């Protein structure tokens, strides 16, 4: 592997580790509401905040899928020969899609449970 490819691989690894650390900080500090604390985000309100976060997540997954398609097309056209970058982009897109699918399934399940509650 060339140093450029190794650098991009290390950058992707560091980005993943940074996101993991950020998620752990959220869980420690704001994810679980303690006595007298609210777990709702303070900068946005109710539906607008959820809608914006959901839309942002979907846009990010779409961007990952487009990047994977561009990498695959570039490889097929012979513009690049870096198979590792292509596979990494495809794996990122796959993980993003699977995560989105799982969130959708959980939301639908919660909706069905709420609709089946007797009042």
Protein backbone atom coordinates (compact mmCIF):
# COMPACT_ATOMS: atom_id res chain seq x y z
CA UNK A 1 0.00 0.00 0.00
CA UNK A 2 1.19 3.47 -0.71
CA UNK A 3 1.53 6.09 2.01
CA UNK A 4 -1.47 8.04 0.68
CA UNK A 5 -3.71 4.99 0.94
CA UNK A 6 -2.32 4.17 4.37
CA UNK A 7 -2.90 7.76 5.47
CA UNK A 8 -6.51 7.69 4.30
CA UNK A 9 -7.03 4.35 6.03
CA UNK A 10 -5.58 5.73 9.26
CA UNK A 11 -7.73 8.85 8.92
CA UNK A 12 -10.84 6.69 8.55
CA UNK A 13 -9.79 4.64 11.59
CA UNK A 14 -9.25 7.79 13.65
CA UNK A 15 -12.63 9.16 12.57
CA UNK A 16 -14.31 5.95 13.73
CA UNK A 17 -12.49 6.08 17.06
CA UNK A 18 -13.47 9.76 17.50
CA UNK A 19 -17.13 8.98 16.84
CA UNK A 20 -16.97 6.09 19.28
CA UNK A 21 -15.51 8.37 21.96
CA UNK A 22 -18.16 11.01 21.25
CA UNK A 23 -20.94 8.45 21.58
CA UNK A 24 -19.50 7.19 24.86
CA UNK A 25 -19.35 10.77 26.17
CA UNK A 26 -23.00 11.30 25.19
CA UNK A 27 -24.03 8.17 27.05
CA UNK A 28 -22.03 9.18 30.14
CA UNK A 29 -23.08 12.84 30.23
CA UNK A 30 -26.33 13.40 28.43
CA UNK A 31 -27.75 10.12 27.25
CA UNK A 32 -29.14 9.02 30.58
CA UNK A 33 -31.09 11.63 32.48
CA UNK A 34 -30.33 11.80 36.17
CA UNK A 35 -32.52 13.30 38.90
CA UNK A 36 -33.60 16.79 37.89
CA UNK A 37 -32.11 16.48 34.39
CA UNK A 38 -33.91 16.29 31.11
CA UNK A 39 -32.68 13.97 28.38
CA UNK A 40 -34.27 16.17 25.67
CA UNK A 41 -31.82 18.21 23.59
CA UNK A 42 -31.73 21.83 24.65
CA UNK A 43 -31.01 23.48 21.29
CA UNK A 44 -33.98 22.04 19.39
CA UNK A 45 -37.57 21.40 20.25
CA UNK A 46 -39.60 18.19 19.95
CA UNK A 47 -40.62 17.32 16.43
CA UNK A 48 -38.31 19.76 14.67
CA UNK A 49 -35.25 18.32 16.43
CA UNK A 50 -36.18 14.71 15.71
CA UNK A 51 -37.08 15.52 12.12
CA UNK A 52 -33.81 17.37 11.56
CA UNK A 53 -31.75 14.57 13.09
CA UNK A 54 -33.55 11.91 11.06
CA UNK A 55 -33.18 13.90 7.86
CA UNK A 56 -29.48 14.48 8.59
CA UNK A 57 -28.90 10.79 9.20
CA UNK A 58 -30.66 9.85 5.97
CA UNK A 59 -28.63 12.42 4.04
CA UNK A 60 -25.41 11.00 5.50
CA UNK A 61 -26.36 7.45 4.50
CA UNK A 62 -27.24 8.70 1.02
CA UNK A 63 -23.87 10.45 0.78
CA UNK A 64 -22.07 7.25 1.82
CA UNK A 65 -23.94 5.26 -0.82
CA UNK A 66 -23.11 7.79 -3.51
CA UNK A 67 -19.43 7.76 -2.50
CA UNK A 68 -19.39 3.96 -2.67
CA UNK A 69 -20.97 4.03 -6.11
CA UNK A 70 -18.43 6.61 -7.30
CA UNK A 71 -15.52 4.54 -5.92
CA UNK A 72 -16.88 1.39 -7.57
CA UNK A 73 -17.38 3.14 -10.90
CA UNK A 74 -13.87 4.61 -10.75
CA UNK A 75 -12.44 1.14 -10.09
CA UNK A 76 -14.45 -0.43 -12.91
CA UNK A 77 -13.36 2.28 -15.34
CA UNK A 78 -9.71 1.76 -14.39
CA UNK A 79 -9.28 5.23 -12.90
CA UNK A 80 -8.06 3.72 -9.63
CA UNK A 81 -6.66 0.38 -8.61
CA UNK A 82 -7.15 0.74 -4.86
CA UNK A 83 -9.43 -2.17 -4.03
CA UNK A 84 -9.17 -1.48 -0.30
CA UNK A 85 -10.65 2.02 -0.68
CA UNK A 86 -13.49 0.64 -2.80
CA UNK A 87 -14.28 -2.09 -0.30
CA UNK A 88 -14.06 0.33 2.63
CA UNK A 89 -16.49 2.73 0.94
CA UNK A 90 -18.89 -0.11 0.15
CA UNK A 91 -18.69 -1.39 3.73
CA UNK A 92 -19.37 2.07 5.18
CA UNK A 93 -22.41 2.42 2.92
CA UNK A 94 -23.62 -1.04 3.90
CA UNK A 95 -23.26 -0.34 7.61
CA UNK A 96 -25.08 2.97 7.26
CA UNK A 97 -27.94 1.34 5.38
CA UNK A 98 -28.24 -1.54 7.86
CA UNK A 99 -28.26 0.89 10.78
CA UNK A 100 -30.98 2.96 9.13
CA UNK A 101 -33.00 -0.17 8.46
CA UNK A 102 -32.73 -1.25 12.11
CA UNK A 103 -33.81 2.19 13.34
CA UNK A 104 -36.78 2.09 10.97
CA UNK A 105 -37.77 -1.35 12.24
CA UNK A 106 -37.58 -0.19 15.87
CA UNK A 107 -39.66 2.91 15.11
CA UNK A 108 -42.31 0.84 13.34
CA UNK A 109 -42.40 -1.62 16.21
CA UNK A 110 -42.82 1.20 18.73
CA UNK A 111 -45.58 2.74 16.60
CA UNK A 112 -47.44 -0.58 16.41
CA UNK A 113 -47.12 -1.07 20.16
CA UNK A 114 -48.52 2.38 20.83
CA UNK A 115 -51.38 1.89 18.38
CA UNK A 116 -52.28 -1.45 20.00
CA UNK A 117 -52.46 0.01 23.51
CA UNK A 118 -55.88 0.10 25.04
CA UNK A 119 -56.95 3.46 26.38
